[in-house]
């Protein structure tokens, strides 16, 4: 399916959300489809994703990111590093309007797309940065920093740990949960949980890797 058949895509999205037992309102589902339509339109010029089939975009992008949403239940201020076309950042921002979501990418055309999505979807809870994450400074540090297939876990942590609040944590969206990446983490960081995800219609492994800083035991 290469055409944007909104009715069919809407059905598949709604079925996937129901299967995962997620609390996503009909209005939010419409916003997610609006986002997908923008990605489909911009993708021909900006190459935001290698996927060209809108049905694959529903499963590999929307449902894949939605599967991670419950892990952010207690989050208030989230940074999505290497956000690219806005995954999982835009999805999180749509279904969690109470949560602040910042997205950062070095590629101007990708952040231009994210700025357009923010405007068209009316996402007042979204901030967008065009720069290396190592160079970002914020007054209000993040309680969760996330990424989806961004970089090796050790690079992810090393480049962004200056932005993480005390007691903050990382949630990395990965295909597999690579042991070698976990072992390369800086000594003070620890994988606290590797959480397998079940994504409807996606016949591939998906995991969330939760990382926290080791707390110094008080004397």
C-alpha atoms as a PDB file:
ATOM      1  CA  UNK A   1       0.000   0.000   0.000  1.00  0.00           C
ATOM      2  CA  UNK A   2       1.784   3.123  -1.242  1.00  0.00           C
ATOM      3  CA  UNK A   3      -1.187   5.518  -1.198  1.00  0.00           C
ATOM      4  CA  UNK A   4      -2.275   7.275   1.979  1.00  0.00           C
ATOM      5  CA  UNK A   5      -5.596   5.490   2.607  1.00  0.00           C
ATOM      6  CA  UNK A   6      -6.526   7.285   5.815  1.00  0.00           C
ATOM      7  CA  UNK A   7      -9.541   5.094   6.602  1.00  0.00           C
ATOM      8  CA  UNK A   8      -7.562   1.831   6.465  1.00  0.00           C
ATOM      9  CA  UNK A   9      -4.607   3.321   8.323  1.00  0.00           C
ATOM     10  CA  UNK A  10      -6.960   4.627  11.011  1.00  0.00           C
ATOM     11  CA  UNK A  11      -8.432   1.148  11.506  1.00  0.00           C
ATOM     12  CA  UNK A  12      -5.011  -0.478  11.878  1.00  0.00           C
ATOM     13  CA  UNK A  13      -3.864   2.221  14.308  1.00  0.00           C
ATOM     14  CA  UNK A  14      -7.028   1.892  16.410  1.00  0.00           C
ATOM     15  CA  UNK A  15      -6.757  -1.915  16.502  1.00  0.00           C
ATOM     16  CA  UNK A  16      -3.109  -1.730  17.584  1.00  0.00           C
ATOM     17  CA  UNK A  17      -3.906   0.781  20.336  1.00  0.00           C
ATOM     18  CA  UNK A  18      -6.754  -1.426  21.577  1.00  0.00           C
ATOM     19  CA  UNK A  19      -4.526  -4.519  21.527  1.00  0.00           C
ATOM     20  CA  UNK A  20      -1.909  -2.721  23.634  1.00  0.00           C
ATOM     21  CA  UNK A  21      -4.678  -1.435  25.973  1.00  0.00           C
ATOM     22  CA  UNK A  22      -3.464   2.153  25.684  1.00  0.00           C
ATOM     23  CA  UNK A  23      -5.493   5.175  26.697  1.00  0.00           C
ATOM     24  CA  UNK A  24      -5.427   7.205  23.474  1.00  0.00           C
ATOM     25  CA  UNK A  25      -8.462   9.348  22.671  1.00  0.00           C
ATOM     26  CA  UNK A  26     -10.053   9.436  19.194  1.00  0.00           C
ATOM     27  CA  UNK A  27      -8.849  13.056  18.843  1.00  0.00           C
ATOM     28  CA  UNK A  28      -5.281  11.984  19.651  1.00  0.00           C
ATOM     29  CA  UNK A  29      -5.518   9.159  17.123  1.00  0.00           C
ATOM     30  CA  UNK A  30      -6.548  11.716  14.489  1.00  0.00           C
ATOM     31  CA  UNK A  31      -3.529  13.861  15.413  1.00  0.00           C
ATOM     32  CA  UNK A  32      -1.247  10.850  15.034  1.00  0.00           C
ATOM     33  CA  UNK A  33      -2.666  10.258  11.546  1.00  0.00           C
ATOM     34  CA  UNK A  34      -2.207  13.962  10.726  1.00  0.00           C
ATOM     35  CA  UNK A  35       1.430  13.582  11.777  1.00  0.00           C
ATOM     36  CA  UNK A  36       1.812  10.461   9.622  1.00  0.00           C
ATOM     37  CA  UNK A  37       0.277  12.283   6.638  1.00  0.00           C
ATOM     38  CA  UNK A  38       2.815  15.101   7.052  1.00  0.00           C
ATOM     39  CA  UNK A  39       5.672  12.599   7.286  1.00  0.00           C
ATOM     40  CA  UNK A  40       4.416  10.799   4.164  1.00  0.00           C
ATOM     41  CA  UNK A  41       4.203  14.111   2.275  1.00  0.00           C
ATOM     42  CA  UNK A  42       7.575  15.518   3.406  1.00  0.00           C
ATOM     43  CA  UNK A  43       9.368  12.201   3.044  1.00  0.00           C
ATOM     44  CA  UNK A  44       9.473  12.359  -0.758  1.00  0.00           C
ATOM     45  CA  UNK A  45      11.653  15.484  -0.552  1.00  0.00           C
ATOM     46  CA  UNK A  46      13.323  15.334   2.869  1.00  0.00           C
ATOM     47  CA  UNK A  47      13.976  11.596   3.268  1.00  0.00           C
ATOM     48  CA  UNK A  48      12.860  11.520   6.915  1.00  0.00           C
ATOM     49  CA  UNK A  49      12.508   7.741   6.940  1.00  0.00           C
ATOM     50  CA  UNK A  50      13.535   4.887   4.661  1.00  0.00           C
ATOM     51  CA  UNK A  51       9.970   3.576   4.807  1.00  0.00           C
ATOM     52  CA  UNK A  52       7.736   4.608   1.906  1.00  0.00           C
ATOM     53  CA  UNK A  53       4.655   2.509   2.625  1.00  0.00           C
ATOM     54  CA  UNK A  54       2.173   4.304   4.950  1.00  0.00           C
ATOM     55  CA  UNK A  55       1.022   0.980   6.435  1.00  0.00           C
ATOM     56  CA  UNK A  56       4.598   0.174   7.427  1.00  0.00           C
ATOM     57  CA  UNK A  57       4.856   3.671   8.905  1.00  0.00           C
ATOM     58  CA  UNK A  58       1.858   2.899  11.130  1.00  0.00           C
ATOM     59  CA  UNK A  59       3.400  -0.293  12.499  1.00  0.00           C
ATOM     60  CA  UNK A  60       7.122   0.585  12.495  1.00  0.00           C
ATOM     61  CA  UNK A  61       6.731   4.209  13.625  1.00  0.00           C
ATOM     62  CA  UNK A  62       3.407   4.933  15.353  1.00  0.00           C
ATOM     63  CA  UNK A  63       2.637   1.597  17.037  1.00  0.00           C
ATOM     64  CA  UNK A  64       6.339   1.022  17.752  1.00  0.00           C
ATOM     65  CA  UNK A  65       6.579   4.354  19.608  1.00  0.00           C
ATOM     66  CA  UNK A  66       3.174   3.947  21.272  1.00  0.00           C
ATOM     67  CA  UNK A  67       4.306   0.631  22.776  1.00  0.00           C
ATOM     68  CA  UNK A  68       6.851   2.609  24.827  1.00  0.00           C
ATOM     69  CA  UNK A  69       4.322   5.132  26.198  1.00  0.00           C
ATOM     70  CA  UNK A  70       3.505   3.295  29.488  1.00  0.00           C
ATOM     71  CA  UNK A  71       7.192   3.500  30.486  1.00  0.00           C
ATOM     72  CA  UNK A  72       6.823   7.305  30.606  1.00  0.00           C
ATOM     73  CA  UNK A  73       3.825   7.227  32.983  1.00  0.00           C
ATOM     74  CA  UNK A  74       5.484   9.305  35.720  1.00  0.00           C
ATOM     75  CA  UNK A  75       7.515  11.552  33.420  1.00  0.00           C
ATOM     76  CA  UNK A  76       7.007  15.313  33.321  1.00  0.00           C
ATOM     77  CA  UNK A  77       9.895  16.640  31.232  1.00  0.00           C
ATOM     78  CA  UNK A  78      11.402  14.456  28.490  1.00  0.00           C
ATOM     79  CA  UNK A  79      14.203  14.926  25.962  1.00  0.00           C
ATOM     80  CA  UNK A  80      14.230  12.881  22.735  1.00  0.00           C
ATOM     81  CA  UNK A  81      17.810  12.779  21.407  1.00  0.00           C
ATOM     82  CA  UNK A  82      18.428  12.348  17.681  1.00  0.00           C
ATOM     83  CA  UNK A  83      14.719  12.714  17.147  1.00  0.00           C
ATOM     84  CA  UNK A  84      14.906  12.642  13.344  1.00  0.00           C
ATOM     85  CA  UNK A  85      11.336  12.630  12.068  1.00  0.00           C
ATOM     86  CA  UNK A  86      10.006  12.868  15.624  1.00  0.00           C
ATOM     87  CA  UNK A  87      10.019   9.345  17.004  1.00  0.00           C
ATOM     88  CA  UNK A  88       9.165   8.788  19.764  1.00  0.00           C
ATOM     89  CA  UNK A  89       8.991  12.521  20.665  1.00  0.00           C
ATOM     90  CA  UNK A  90       5.982  13.601  18.598  1.00  0.00           C
ATOM     91  CA  UNK A  91       4.034  10.472  19.554  1.00  0.00           C
ATOM     92  CA  UNK A  92       4.728  11.095  23.244  1.00  0.00           C
ATOM     93  CA  UNK A  93       3.744  14.756  22.905  1.00  0.00           C
ATOM     94  CA  UNK A  94       0.425  13.887  21.240  1.00  0.00           C
ATOM     95  CA  UNK A  95      -0.721  11.250  23.719  1.00  0.00           C
ATOM     96  CA  UNK A  96       0.719  13.011  26.794  1.00  0.00           C
ATOM     97  CA  UNK A  97      -0.241  16.691  26.413  1.00  0.00           C
ATOM     98  CA  UNK A  98       0.503  17.139  30.148  1.00  0.00           C
ATOM     99  CA  UNK A  99       4.183  16.299  29.560  1.00  0.00           C
ATOM    100  CA  UNK A 100       6.873  18.634  28.219  1.00  0.00           C
ATOM    101  CA  UNK A 101       8.700  17.038  25.287  1.00  0.00           C
ATOM    102  CA  UNK A 102      11.915  18.462  23.833  1.00  0.00           C
ATOM    103  CA  UNK A 103      13.435  17.089  20.637  1.00  0.00           C
ATOM    104  CA  UNK A 104      16.957  17.625  19.377  1.00  0.00           C
ATOM    105  CA  UNK A 105      18.623  16.755  16.071  1.00  0.00           C
ATOM    106  CA  UNK A 106      21.635  18.090  14.188  1.00  0.00           C
ATOM    107  CA  UNK A 107      19.921  17.933  10.767  1.00  0.00           C
ATOM    108  CA  UNK A 108      18.146  21.191   9.891  1.00  0.00           C
ATOM    109  CA  UNK A 109      15.683  19.647   7.453  1.00  0.00           C
ATOM    110  CA  UNK A 110      14.498  17.246  10.149  1.00  0.00           C
ATOM    111  CA  UNK A 111      14.009  19.956  12.771  1.00  0.00           C
ATOM    112  CA  UNK A 112      12.257  22.077  10.109  1.00  0.00           C
ATOM    113  CA  UNK A 113       9.822  19.196   9.661  1.00  0.00           C
ATOM    114  CA  UNK A 114       9.352  18.891  13.437  1.00  0.00           C
ATOM    115  CA  UNK A 115       8.655  22.634  13.646  1.00  0.00           C
ATOM    116  CA  UNK A 116       6.004  22.242  10.951  1.00  0.00           C
ATOM    117  CA  UNK A 117       4.426  19.301  12.813  1.00  0.00           C
ATOM    118  CA  UNK A 118       4.402  21.296  16.050  1.00  0.00           C
ATOM    119  CA  UNK A 119       2.589  24.168  14.329  1.00  0.00           C
ATOM    120  CA  UNK A 120       0.059  22.122  12.376  1.00  0.00           C
ATOM    121  CA  UNK A 121      -0.821  19.821  15.272  1.00  0.00           C
ATOM    122  CA  UNK A 122      -0.853  22.664  17.813  1.00  0.00           C
ATOM    123  CA  UNK A 123       1.615  20.928  20.128  1.00  0.00           C
ATOM    124  CA  UNK A 124       2.223  23.622  22.753  1.00  0.00           C
ATOM    125  CA  UNK A 125       4.147  21.139  24.944  1.00  0.00           C
ATOM    126  CA  UNK A 126       6.946  20.698  22.371  1.00  0.00           C
ATOM    127  CA  UNK A 127      10.391  22.389  22.100  1.00  0.00           C
ATOM    128  CA  UNK A 128      12.778  21.754  19.213  1.00  0.00           C
ATOM    129  CA  UNK A 129      16.561  22.246  19.079  1.00  0.00           C
ATOM    130  CA  UNK A 130      18.926  22.062  16.089  1.00  0.00           C
ATOM    131  CA  UNK A 131      22.364  21.225  17.481  1.00  0.00           C
ATOM    132  CA  UNK A 132      24.508  18.479  18.942  1.00  0.00           C
ATOM    133  CA  UNK A 133      23.140  17.261  22.257  1.00  0.00           C
ATOM    134  CA  UNK A 134      26.606  17.800  23.779  1.00  0.00           C
ATOM    135  CA  UNK A 135      26.151  21.552  23.184  1.00  0.00           C
ATOM    136  CA  UNK A 136      22.635  21.894  24.597  1.00  0.00           C
ATOM    137  CA  UNK A 137      22.153  23.710  27.900  1.00  0.00           C
ATOM    138  CA  UNK A 138      18.808  24.002  29.710  1.00  0.00           C
ATOM    139  CA  UNK A 139      17.678  25.616  32.952  1.00  0.00           C
ATOM    140  CA  UNK A 140      15.157  22.859  33.655  1.00  0.00           C
ATOM    141  CA  UNK A 141      16.879  19.481  33.435  1.00  0.00           C
ATOM    142  CA  UNK A 142      15.036  16.399  32.171  1.00  0.00           C
ATOM    143  CA  UNK A 143      13.637  13.609  34.310  1.00  0.00           C
ATOM    144  CA  UNK A 144      13.825  11.229  31.330  1.00  0.00           C
ATOM    145  CA  UNK A 145      16.105  11.262  28.290  1.00  0.00           C
ATOM    146  CA  UNK A 146      15.080   8.919  25.507  1.00  0.00           C
ATOM    147  CA  UNK A 147      16.171   7.940  22.017  1.00  0.00           C
ATOM    148  CA  UNK A 148      15.133   5.503  19.342  1.00  0.00           C
ATOM    149  CA  UNK A 149      17.939   3.715  17.522  1.00  0.00           C
ATOM    150  CA  UNK A 150      20.131   6.776  18.040  1.00  0.00           C
ATOM    151  CA  UNK A 151      23.579   5.604  19.084  1.00  0.00           C
ATOM    152  CA  UNK A 152      25.554   3.166  21.176  1.00  0.00           C
ATOM    153  CA  UNK A 153      24.252   3.312  24.754  1.00  0.00           C
ATOM    154  CA  UNK A 154      27.600   4.561  26.094  1.00  0.00           C
ATOM    155  CA  UNK A 155      27.679   7.457  23.597  1.00  0.00           C
ATOM    156  CA  UNK A 156      24.034   8.234  24.334  1.00  0.00           C
ATOM    157  CA  UNK A 157      24.787   8.566  28.059  1.00  0.00           C
ATOM    158  CA  UNK A 158      28.163  10.305  27.708  1.00  0.00           C
ATOM    159  CA  UNK A 159      26.827  12.954  25.328  1.00  0.00           C
ATOM    160  CA  UNK A 160      23.687  13.850  27.289  1.00  0.00           C
ATOM    161  CA  UNK A 161      24.175  13.100  31.000  1.00  0.00           C
ATOM    162  CA  UNK A 162      24.767  16.832  31.734  1.00  0.00           C
ATOM    163  CA  UNK A 163      21.077  17.345  30.863  1.00  0.00           C
ATOM    164  CA  UNK A 164      19.646  14.701  33.191  1.00  0.00           C
ATOM    165  CA  UNK A 165      18.082  15.792  36.482  1.00  0.00           C
ATOM    166  CA  UNK A 166      19.051  14.263  39.820  1.00  0.00           C
ATOM    167  CA  UNK A 167      17.200  10.933  40.113  1.00  0.00           C
ATOM    168  CA  UNK A 168      16.575  11.095  36.348  1.00  0.00           C
ATOM    169  CA  UNK A 169      16.792   8.072  34.057  1.00  0.00           C
ATOM    170  CA  UNK A 170      17.312   6.997  30.481  1.00  0.00           C
ATOM    171  CA  UNK A 171      14.848   5.005  28.397  1.00  0.00           C
ATOM    172  CA  UNK A 172      16.435   3.825  25.140  1.00  0.00           C
ATOM    173  CA  UNK A 173      14.220   2.265  22.459  1.00  0.00           C
ATOM    174  CA  UNK A 174      16.191  -0.557  20.884  1.00  0.00           C
ATOM    175  CA  UNK A 175      15.539  -3.465  18.572  1.00  0.00           C
ATOM    176  CA  UNK A 176      17.549  -6.045  20.437  1.00  0.00           C
ATOM    177  CA  UNK A 177      19.066  -5.390  23.849  1.00  0.00           C
ATOM    178  CA  UNK A 178      22.793  -5.643  23.038  1.00  0.00           C
ATOM    179  CA  UNK A 179      24.914  -6.971  25.886  1.00  0.00           C
ATOM    180  CA  UNK A 180      28.122  -5.435  24.523  1.00  0.00           C
ATOM    181  CA  UNK A 181      26.563  -1.959  24.559  1.00  0.00           C
ATOM    182  CA  UNK A 182      25.425  -2.451  28.138  1.00  0.00           C
ATOM    183  CA  UNK A 183      28.941  -3.471  29.155  1.00  0.00           C
ATOM    184  CA  UNK A 184      30.459  -0.355  27.581  1.00  0.00           C
ATOM    185  CA  UNK A 185      28.415   1.998  29.752  1.00  0.00           C
ATOM    186  CA  UNK A 186      30.445   4.312  32.018  1.00  0.00           C
ATOM    187  CA  UNK A 187      31.077   2.701  35.412  1.00  0.00           C
ATOM    188  CA  UNK A 188      28.629   4.863  37.354  1.00  0.00           C
ATOM    189  CA  UNK A 189      25.703   3.978  35.047  1.00  0.00           C
ATOM    190  CA  UNK A 190      23.721   0.780  35.270  1.00  0.00           C
ATOM    191  CA  UNK A 191      21.036  -0.926  33.204  1.00  0.00           C
ATOM    192  CA  UNK A 192      18.207  -1.392  35.692  1.00  0.00           C
ATOM    193  CA  UNK A 193      15.794  -3.162  33.363  1.00  0.00           C
ATOM    194  CA  UNK A 194      15.529  -4.490  29.818  1.00  0.00           C
ATOM    195  CA  UNK A 195      11.855  -4.508  28.973  1.00  0.00           C
ATOM    196  CA  UNK A 196      10.600  -6.475  25.944  1.00  0.00           C
ATOM    197  CA  UNK A 197       7.803  -4.816  23.984  1.00  0.00           C
ATOM    198  CA  UNK A 198       5.053  -6.467  21.981  1.00  0.00           C
ATOM    199  CA  UNK A 199       4.199  -4.284  18.990  1.00  0.00           C
ATOM    200  CA  UNK A 200       1.098  -5.391  17.056  1.00  0.00           C
ATOM    201  CA  UNK A 201       1.781  -6.435  13.428  1.00  0.00           C
ATOM    202  CA  UNK A 202       5.513  -5.920  13.885  1.00  0.00           C
ATOM    203  CA  UNK A 203       7.367  -9.189  13.541  1.00  0.00           C
ATOM    204  CA  UNK A 204      10.604  -7.940  15.086  1.00  0.00           C
ATOM    205  CA  UNK A 205      12.214  -7.663  18.501  1.00  0.00           C
ATOM    206  CA  UNK A 206      11.731  -4.438  20.428  1.00  0.00           C
ATOM    207  CA  UNK A 207      13.100  -3.580  23.869  1.00  0.00           C
ATOM    208  CA  UNK A 208      13.265  -0.636  26.219  1.00  0.00           C
ATOM    209  CA  UNK A 209      16.617  -0.309  27.992  1.00  0.00           C
ATOM    210  CA  UNK A 210      16.281   1.547  31.321  1.00  0.00           C
ATOM    211  CA  UNK A 211      19.494   3.137  32.602  1.00  0.00           C
ATOM    212  CA  UNK A 212      20.101   4.947  35.890  1.00  0.00           C
ATOM    213  CA  UNK A 213      23.087   6.377  37.709  1.00  0.00           C
ATOM    214  CA  UNK A 214      24.395   4.296  40.593  1.00  0.00           C
ATOM    215  CA  UNK A 215      23.670   6.129  43.857  1.00  0.00           C
ATOM    216  CA  UNK A 216      26.578   6.623  46.214  1.00  0.00           C
ATOM    217  CA  UNK A 217      25.805   4.886  49.510  1.00  0.00           C
ATOM    218  CA  UNK A 218      25.875   7.378  52.337  1.00  0.00           C
ATOM    219  CA  UNK A 219      28.568   6.755  54.914  1.00  0.00           C
END
